[in-house]
Amino acid sequence: MNKGRGICYAFLAMFYVGAGVLALFLVSKSSDQSPLKFAFDSAEANATFDSYGIPTITATSIPSFAYAAGYIHARDRLWVMHFLRLFAAGRMSEVPYNSYHRSSAPKWSNLTR
C-alpha cells in the first residue's frame, strides 16, 4: 500500500515539475522585439518578431538561417539551456537559491541559529 502511494507521489511531483518548466517556457520571452539582420559569409538573414515574441527568419542560405536561429535561441533561452544542462548532469545544487529567489527565500543565517 505504501509503495503505491510513493509511486503516485512521484508521478504527481513529476507532473508539477513538468508543468512548471512548461510555464517557464511559455512565459519567458525576450523584451527586445526589434528586427535583426545577420550576415554569414556572403549570405544574409533577417529576423522579425510578432507581438508574442515569435521570430520569423528569412535567409538566403541554410547556414545563414542556422546562424540566425542559433543566435535568437541563445539570446532568448540561454538561461533555460544552462539550467537543463545542470539538471541533466545532476548538478542543480550548484545554483545558489538565494540569488534567484531573494524575496521568498529564508536567509541561511536564520536557519543555522
C-alpha atoms as a PDB file:
ATOM      1  CA  MET A   1       0.000   0.000   0.000  1.00  0.00           C
ATOM      2  CA  ASN A   2       2.782   2.473   0.868  1.00  0.00           C
ATOM      3  CA  LYS A   3       4.718   1.587  -2.289  1.00  0.00           C
ATOM      4  CA  GLY A   4       1.725   2.525  -4.456  1.00  0.00           C
ATOM      5  CA  ARG A   5       1.320   5.795  -2.597  1.00  0.00           C
ATOM      6  CA  GLY A   6       5.002   6.602  -3.136  1.00  0.00           C
ATOM      7  CA  ILE A   7       4.717   5.938  -6.854  1.00  0.00           C
ATOM      8  CA  CYS A   8       1.635   8.156  -7.010  1.00  0.00           C
ATOM      9  CA  TYR A   9       3.502  10.972  -5.232  1.00  0.00           C
ATOM     10  CA  ALA A  10       6.467  10.552  -7.580  1.00  0.00           C
ATOM     11  CA  PHE A  11       4.264  10.867 -10.663  1.00  0.00           C
ATOM     12  CA  LEU A  12       2.451  13.830  -9.141  1.00  0.00           C
ATOM     13  CA  ALA A  13       5.776  15.543  -8.416  1.00  0.00           C
ATOM     14  CA  MET A  14       6.973  14.865 -11.975  1.00  0.00           C
ATOM     15  CA  PHE A  15       3.731  16.355 -13.314  1.00  0.00           C
ATOM     16  CA  TYR A  16       4.136  19.537 -11.274  1.00  0.00           C
ATOM     17  CA  VAL A  17       7.780  19.924 -12.268  1.00  0.00           C
ATOM     18  CA  GLY A  18       6.867  19.414 -15.925  1.00  0.00           C
ATOM     19  CA  ALA A  19       4.035  21.934 -15.669  1.00  0.00           C
ATOM     20  CA  GLY A  20       6.401  24.446 -14.060  1.00  0.00           C
ATOM     21  CA  VAL A  21       9.013  24.002 -16.780  1.00  0.00           C
ATOM     22  CA  LEU A  22       6.324  24.373 -19.456  1.00  0.00           C
ATOM     23  CA  ALA A  23       5.084  27.556 -17.797  1.00  0.00           C
ATOM     24  CA  LEU A  24       8.623  28.965 -17.775  1.00  0.00           C
ATOM     25  CA  PHE A  25       8.971  28.231 -21.487  1.00  0.00           C
ATOM     26  CA  LEU A  26       5.634  29.848 -22.320  1.00  0.00           C
ATOM     27  CA  VAL A  27       6.026  32.911 -20.116  1.00  0.00           C
ATOM     28  CA  SER A  28       9.625  33.821 -20.874  1.00  0.00           C
ATOM     29  CA  LYS A  29      10.265  35.830 -23.981  1.00  0.00           C
ATOM     30  CA  SER A  30      12.682  38.486 -24.987  1.00  0.00           C
ATOM     31  CA  SER A  31      11.715  42.087 -24.269  1.00  0.00           C
ATOM     32  CA  ASP A  32      13.649  43.335 -27.302  1.00  0.00           C
ATOM     33  CA  GLN A  33      11.424  42.910 -30.364  1.00  0.00           C
ATOM     34  CA  SER A  34      13.413  44.973 -32.888  1.00  0.00           C
ATOM     35  CA  PRO A  35      14.193  43.339 -36.269  1.00  0.00           C
ATOM     36  CA  LEU A  36      17.634  41.741 -36.574  1.00  0.00           C
ATOM     37  CA  LYS A  37      19.922  41.412 -39.593  1.00  0.00           C
ATOM     38  CA  PHE A  38      22.671  38.821 -39.874  1.00  0.00           C
ATOM     39  CA  ALA A  39      25.489  38.449 -42.374  1.00  0.00           C
ATOM     40  CA  PHE A  40      27.017  34.976 -42.548  1.00  0.00           C
ATOM     41  CA  ASP A  41      29.744  34.545 -45.183  1.00  0.00           C
ATOM     42  CA  SER A  42      28.171  36.067 -48.307  1.00  0.00           C
ATOM     43  CA  ALA A  43      24.569  35.246 -47.307  1.00  0.00           C
ATOM     44  CA  GLU A  44      22.134  37.319 -45.292  1.00  0.00           C
ATOM     45  CA  ALA A  45      19.346  36.545 -42.849  1.00  0.00           C
ATOM     46  CA  ASN A  46      16.628  38.740 -41.360  1.00  0.00           C
ATOM     47  CA  ALA A  47      14.586  38.081 -38.237  1.00  0.00           C
ATOM     48  CA  THR A  48      11.358  39.848 -37.342  1.00  0.00           C
ATOM     49  CA  PHE A  49       9.191  39.285 -34.267  1.00  0.00           C
ATOM     50  CA  ASP A  50       5.415  39.280 -33.893  1.00  0.00           C
ATOM     51  CA  SER A  51       3.509  40.649 -30.889  1.00  0.00           C
ATOM     52  CA  TYR A  52       4.066  37.408 -28.925  1.00  0.00           C
ATOM     53  CA  GLY A  53       7.830  37.453 -29.493  1.00  0.00           C
ATOM     54  CA  ILE A  54       7.809  34.608 -32.036  1.00  0.00           C
ATOM     55  CA  PRO A  55      10.650  35.107 -34.550  1.00  0.00           C
ATOM     56  CA  THR A  56      10.233  34.794 -38.302  1.00  0.00           C
ATOM     57  CA  ILE A  57      13.555  34.164 -40.026  1.00  0.00           C
ATOM     58  CA  THR A  58      14.126  34.690 -43.738  1.00  0.00           C
ATOM     59  CA  ALA A  59      17.505  33.705 -45.124  1.00  0.00           C
ATOM     60  CA  THR A  60      19.234  33.274 -48.463  1.00  0.00           C
ATOM     61  CA  SER A  61      21.078  30.105 -47.436  1.00  0.00           C
ATOM     62  CA  ILE A  62      20.792  27.295 -44.917  1.00  0.00           C
ATOM     63  CA  PRO A  63      23.990  28.219 -42.988  1.00  0.00           C
ATOM     64  CA  SER A  64      22.814  31.816 -42.562  1.00  0.00           C
ATOM     65  CA  PHE A  65      19.419  30.553 -41.359  1.00  0.00           C
ATOM     66  CA  ALA A  66      21.103  28.215 -38.865  1.00  0.00           C
ATOM     67  CA  TYR A  67      23.294  31.050 -37.580  1.00  0.00           C
ATOM     68  CA  ALA A  68      20.311  33.371 -37.101  1.00  0.00           C
ATOM     69  CA  ALA A  69      18.214  30.658 -35.432  1.00  0.00           C
ATOM     70  CA  GLY A  70      21.054  29.761 -33.070  1.00  0.00           C
ATOM     71  CA  TYR A  71      21.649  33.402 -32.179  1.00  0.00           C
ATOM     72  CA  ILE A  72      17.981  34.037 -31.394  1.00  0.00           C
ATOM     73  CA  HIS A  73      17.694  30.811 -29.416  1.00  0.00           C
ATOM     74  CA  ALA A  74      20.758  31.675 -27.346  1.00  0.00           C
ATOM     75  CA  ARG A  75      19.541  35.225 -26.785  1.00  0.00           C
ATOM     76  CA  ASP A  76      16.081  34.192 -25.606  1.00  0.00           C
ATOM     77  CA  ARG A  77      16.757  30.860 -23.898  1.00  0.00           C
ATOM     78  CA  LEU A  78      20.343  30.879 -22.637  1.00  0.00           C
ATOM     79  CA  TRP A  79      19.264  30.535 -19.009  1.00  0.00           C
ATOM     80  CA  VAL A  80      16.978  27.605 -19.893  1.00  0.00           C
ATOM     81  CA  MET A  81      19.783  25.812 -21.725  1.00  0.00           C
ATOM     82  CA  HIS A  82      22.058  26.388 -18.736  1.00  0.00           C
ATOM     83  CA  PHE A  83      19.555  25.001 -16.217  1.00  0.00           C
ATOM     84  CA  LEU A  84      18.710  21.992 -18.407  1.00  0.00           C
ATOM     85  CA  ARG A  85      22.416  21.219 -18.759  1.00  0.00           C
ATOM     86  CA  LEU A  86      22.877  21.407 -14.991  1.00  0.00           C
ATOM     87  CA  PHE A  87      19.746  19.324 -14.389  1.00  0.00           C
ATOM     88  CA  ALA A  88      20.827  16.610 -16.836  1.00  0.00           C
ATOM     89  CA  ALA A  89      24.249  16.398 -15.210  1.00  0.00           C
ATOM     90  CA  GLY A  90      22.736  16.227 -11.708  1.00  0.00           C
ATOM     91  CA  ARG A  91      24.394  19.490 -10.692  1.00  0.00           C
ATOM     92  CA  MET A  92      21.396  21.646  -9.710  1.00  0.00           C
ATOM     93  CA  SER A  93      22.863  22.089  -6.220  1.00  0.00           C
ATOM     94  CA  GLU A  94      25.386  24.467  -7.781  1.00  0.00           C
ATOM     95  CA  VAL A  95      22.633  27.033  -8.299  1.00  0.00           C
ATOM     96  CA  PRO A  96      22.537  29.322  -5.266  1.00  0.00           C
ATOM     97  CA  TYR A  97      18.924  29.544  -4.120  1.00  0.00           C
ATOM     98  CA  ASN A  98      19.086  32.988  -2.519  1.00  0.00           C
ATOM     99  CA  SER A  99      20.486  34.724  -5.572  1.00  0.00           C
ATOM    100  CA  TYR A 100      17.499  33.684  -7.721  1.00  0.00           C
ATOM    101  CA  HIS A 101      14.722  33.916  -5.134  1.00  0.00           C
ATOM    102  CA  ARG A 102      15.780  36.716  -2.811  1.00  0.00           C
ATOM    103  CA  SER A 103      12.274  37.799  -1.850  1.00  0.00           C
ATOM    104  CA  SER A 104      10.872  34.386  -0.903  1.00  0.00           C
ATOM    105  CA  ALA A 105      13.949  32.511   0.330  1.00  0.00           C
ATOM    106  CA  PRO A 106      14.820  32.316   4.015  1.00  0.00           C
ATOM    107  CA  LYS A 107      18.237  33.601   4.996  1.00  0.00           C
ATOM    108  CA  TRP A 108      20.799  30.887   5.672  1.00  0.00           C
ATOM    109  CA  SER A 109      21.930  32.655   8.826  1.00  0.00           C
ATOM    110  CA  ASN A 110      18.380  32.438  10.221  1.00  0.00           C
ATOM    111  CA  LEU A 111      18.278  28.679   9.611  1.00  0.00           C
ATOM    112  CA  THR A 112      21.556  27.923  11.396  1.00  0.00           C
ATOM    113  CA  ARG A 113      20.795  29.685  14.701  1.00  0.00           C
END
